[in-house]
Amino acid sequence: MILTEDKVLQEQLRLAQLEKTAKENEVIITVCAYCKKTISVKDGYGVYGISHGICSSCKRRLLREYKKRRD
């Protein structure tokens, strides 16, 4: 998927807002590295920020693609 400049700017703004929320609440927010959906919010115990992972739907999709290429 190719992102337009507007989409890139929107995503940067969204991540900046998440970072602000994480800082204000001292939490760690995990977002999917592929679709950018928020996966979880955990107590940061004085530390805050954004972490990346993979959501279950993207994981399933990527595993299907991997299996197709492998066969």
N, C-alpha and C. Protein backbone atom coordinates (compact mmCIF):
# COMPACT_ATOMS: atom_id res chain seq x y z
N MET A 1 0.84 -1.17 0.00
CA MET A 1 0.00 0.00 0.00
C MET A 1 0.89 1.24 0.00
N ILE A 2 0.63 2.15 -0.91
CA ILE A 2 1.39 3.38 -1.00
C ILE A 2 0.59 4.48 -0.31
N LEU A 3 1.25 5.17 0.61
CA LEU A 3 0.58 6.23 1.35
C LEU A 3 0.80 7.56 0.66
N THR A 4 -0.28 8.34 0.57
CA THR A 4 -0.15 9.68 0.03
C THR A 4 0.45 10.58 1.11
N GLU A 5 0.89 11.75 0.69
CA GLU A 5 1.49 12.69 1.64
C GLU A 5 0.50 13.05 2.74
N ASP A 6 -0.78 13.22 2.38
CA ASP A 6 -1.81 13.53 3.37
C ASP A 6 -1.96 12.41 4.39
N LYS A 7 -1.96 11.17 3.91
CA LYS A 7 -2.09 10.02 4.82
C LYS A 7 -0.89 9.94 5.76
N VAL A 8 0.29 10.20 5.25
CA VAL A 8 1.50 10.18 6.08
C VAL A 8 1.40 11.24 7.16
N LEU A 9 0.97 12.44 6.79
CA LEU A 9 0.83 13.52 7.77
C LEU A 9 -0.23 13.20 8.81
N GLN A 10 -1.34 12.60 8.38
CA GLN A 10 -2.39 12.20 9.32
C GLN A 10 -1.86 11.17 10.31
N GLU A 11 -1.09 10.22 9.81
CA GLU A 11 -0.54 9.18 10.68
C GLU A 11 0.47 9.77 11.66
N GLN A 12 1.28 10.71 11.20
CA GLN A 12 2.24 11.37 12.09
C GLN A 12 1.52 12.15 13.19
N LEU A 13 0.44 12.82 12.83
CA LEU A 13 -0.37 13.55 13.81
C LEU A 13 -0.99 12.60 14.82
N ARG A 14 -1.53 11.49 14.34
CA ARG A 14 -2.14 10.50 15.24
C ARG A 14 -1.12 9.95 16.22
N LEU A 15 0.09 9.63 15.73
CA LEU A 15 1.12 9.10 16.62
C LEU A 15 1.58 10.16 17.62
N ALA A 16 1.64 11.43 17.20
CA ALA A 16 2.01 12.51 18.12
C ALA A 16 0.95 12.65 19.22
N GLN A 17 -0.32 12.50 18.85
CA GLN A 17 -1.39 12.58 19.85
C GLN A 17 -1.31 11.40 20.81
N LEU A 18 -1.01 10.21 20.28
CA LEU A 18 -0.86 9.04 21.15
C LEU A 18 0.32 9.23 22.10
N GLU A 19 1.41 9.78 21.60
CA GLU A 19 2.59 10.05 22.43
C GLU A 19 2.24 11.01 23.57
N LYS A 20 1.48 12.05 23.25
CA LYS A 20 1.05 13.02 24.26
C LYS A 20 0.18 12.33 25.32
N THR A 21 -0.75 11.50 24.87
CA THR A 21 -1.62 10.75 25.80
C THR A 21 -0.79 9.82 26.68
N ALA A 22 0.19 9.16 26.08
CA ALA A 22 1.05 8.25 26.84
C ALA A 22 1.82 9.01 27.91
N LYS A 23 2.34 10.17 27.55
CA LYS A 23 3.11 10.97 28.50
C LYS A 23 2.24 11.46 29.64
N GLU A 24 1.05 11.99 29.32
CA GLU A 24 0.15 12.53 30.34
C GLU A 24 -0.29 11.46 31.33
N ASN A 25 -0.45 10.22 30.85
CA ASN A 25 -0.96 9.14 31.70
C ASN A 25 0.12 8.16 32.15
N GLU A 26 1.38 8.42 31.75
CA GLU A 26 2.50 7.53 32.05
C GLU A 26 2.17 6.07 31.71
N VAL A 27 1.80 5.87 30.46
CA VAL A 27 1.46 4.53 29.97
C VAL A 27 2.27 4.23 28.71
N ILE A 28 2.31 2.97 28.37
CA ILE A 28 2.92 2.53 27.12
C ILE A 28 1.79 2.06 26.21
N ILE A 29 1.69 2.68 25.06
CA ILE A 29 0.64 2.35 24.10
C ILE A 29 1.27 1.54 22.98
N THR A 30 0.74 0.35 22.75
CA THR A 30 1.24 -0.51 21.69
C THR A 30 0.33 -0.38 20.48
N VAL A 31 0.93 -0.10 19.31
CA VAL A 31 0.17 0.01 18.07
C VAL A 31 0.71 -1.02 17.07
N CYS A 32 -0.16 -1.46 16.17
CA CYS A 32 0.24 -2.41 15.15
C CYS A 32 1.17 -1.71 14.15
N ALA A 33 2.29 -2.31 13.87
CA ALA A 33 3.26 -1.73 12.95
C ALA A 33 2.76 -1.74 11.51
N TYR A 34 1.73 -2.52 11.22
CA TYR A 34 1.21 -2.63 9.86
C TYR A 34 0.00 -1.76 9.64
N CYS A 35 -1.05 -1.93 10.44
CA CYS A 35 -2.29 -1.18 10.22
C CYS A 35 -2.44 0.03 11.14
N LYS A 36 -1.55 0.17 12.12
CA LYS A 36 -1.52 1.30 13.06
C LYS A 36 -2.66 1.31 14.07
N LYS A 37 -3.39 0.21 14.19
CA LYS A 37 -4.47 0.11 15.17
C LYS A 37 -3.86 0.00 16.57
N THR A 38 -4.49 0.64 17.55
CA THR A 38 -4.02 0.52 18.93
C THR A 38 -4.31 -0.89 19.42
N ILE A 39 -3.26 -1.55 19.92
CA ILE A 39 -3.39 -2.93 20.39
C ILE A 39 -3.64 -2.97 21.89
N SER A 40 -2.84 -2.22 22.65
CA SER A 40 -2.99 -2.26 24.11
C SER A 40 -2.44 -1.00 24.74
N VAL A 41 -2.86 -0.79 25.99
CA VAL A 41 -2.35 0.30 26.81
C VAL A 41 -1.96 -0.31 28.14
N LYS A 42 -0.70 -0.11 28.54
CA LYS A 42 -0.22 -0.70 29.80
C LYS A 42 0.41 0.37 30.67
N ASP A 43 0.33 0.15 31.98
CA ASP A 43 0.96 1.05 32.92
C ASP A 43 2.46 1.07 32.66
N GLY A 44 3.01 2.26 32.51
CA GLY A 44 4.43 2.37 32.22
C GLY A 44 5.29 2.46 33.47
N TYR A 45 4.67 2.51 34.66
CA TYR A 45 5.40 2.61 35.93
C TYR A 45 6.44 3.73 35.86
N GLY A 46 5.97 4.93 35.46
CA GLY A 46 6.84 6.09 35.38
C GLY A 46 7.49 6.29 34.03
N VAL A 47 7.35 5.33 33.15
CA VAL A 47 7.89 5.42 31.80
C VAL A 47 6.71 5.51 30.84
N TYR A 48 6.88 6.22 29.75
CA TYR A 48 5.78 6.35 28.80
C TYR A 48 6.32 6.25 27.38
N GLY A 49 5.43 5.99 26.45
CA GLY A 49 5.83 5.99 25.06
C GLY A 49 4.95 5.12 24.18
N ILE A 50 5.40 5.01 22.93
CA ILE A 50 4.71 4.20 21.93
C ILE A 50 5.58 3.00 21.62
N SER A 51 4.97 1.83 21.59
CA SER A 51 5.66 0.61 21.23
C SER A 51 4.92 0.01 20.03
N HIS A 52 5.60 -0.80 19.27
CA HIS A 52 4.97 -1.41 18.10
C HIS A 52 4.93 -2.92 18.23
N GLY A 53 3.88 -3.50 17.71
CA GLY A 53 3.69 -4.94 17.69
C GLY A 53 2.92 -5.28 16.43
N ILE A 54 2.20 -6.40 16.49
CA ILE A 54 1.36 -6.79 15.36
C ILE A 54 0.03 -7.27 15.91
N CYS A 55 -1.05 -6.77 15.34
CA CYS A 55 -2.39 -7.16 15.81
C CYS A 55 -2.73 -8.54 15.24
N SER A 56 -3.73 -9.16 15.80
CA SER A 56 -4.09 -10.53 15.41
C SER A 56 -4.55 -10.62 13.95
N SER A 57 -5.28 -9.62 13.47
CA SER A 57 -5.74 -9.69 12.07
C SER A 57 -4.58 -9.54 11.09
N CYS A 58 -3.65 -8.65 11.36
CA CYS A 58 -2.48 -8.51 10.48
C CYS A 58 -1.59 -9.75 10.55
N LYS A 59 -1.50 -10.34 11.73
CA LYS A 59 -0.70 -11.56 11.89
C LYS A 59 -1.28 -12.68 11.03
N ARG A 60 -2.60 -12.86 11.08
CA ARG A 60 -3.25 -13.90 10.27
C ARG A 60 -3.02 -13.65 8.78
N ARG A 61 -3.18 -12.39 8.36
CA ARG A 61 -3.01 -12.03 6.95
C ARG A 61 -1.58 -12.30 6.50
N LEU A 62 -0.61 -11.90 7.31
CA LEU A 62 0.79 -12.10 6.94
C LEU A 62 1.17 -13.58 6.92
N LEU A 63 0.61 -14.37 7.83
CA LEU A 63 0.88 -15.81 7.82
C LEU A 63 0.30 -16.48 6.58
N ARG A 64 -0.91 -16.04 6.16
CA ARG A 64 -1.49 -16.58 4.93
C ARG A 64 -0.61 -16.25 3.73
N GLU A 65 -0.14 -15.00 3.65
CA GLU A 65 0.73 -14.59 2.54
C GLU A 65 2.04 -15.38 2.56
N TYR A 66 2.58 -15.59 3.73
CA TYR A 66 3.82 -16.35 3.86
C TYR A 66 3.64 -17.78 3.37
N LYS A 67 2.53 -18.40 3.80
CA LYS A 67 2.27 -19.78 3.39
C LYS A 67 2.08 -19.90 1.88
N LYS A 68 1.40 -18.92 1.27
CA LYS A 68 1.22 -18.93 -0.19
C LYS A 68 2.56 -18.85 -0.91
N ARG A 69 3.42 -17.99 -0.44
CA ARG A 69 4.75 -17.83 -1.08
C ARG A 69 5.63 -19.05 -0.87
N ARG A 70 5.47 -19.71 0.27
CA ARG A 70 6.29 -20.87 0.61
C ARG A 70 5.91 -22.09 -0.24
N ASP A 71 4.64 -22.20 -0.58
CA ASP A 71 4.15 -23.37 -1.34
C ASP A 71 4.48 -23.29 -2.80
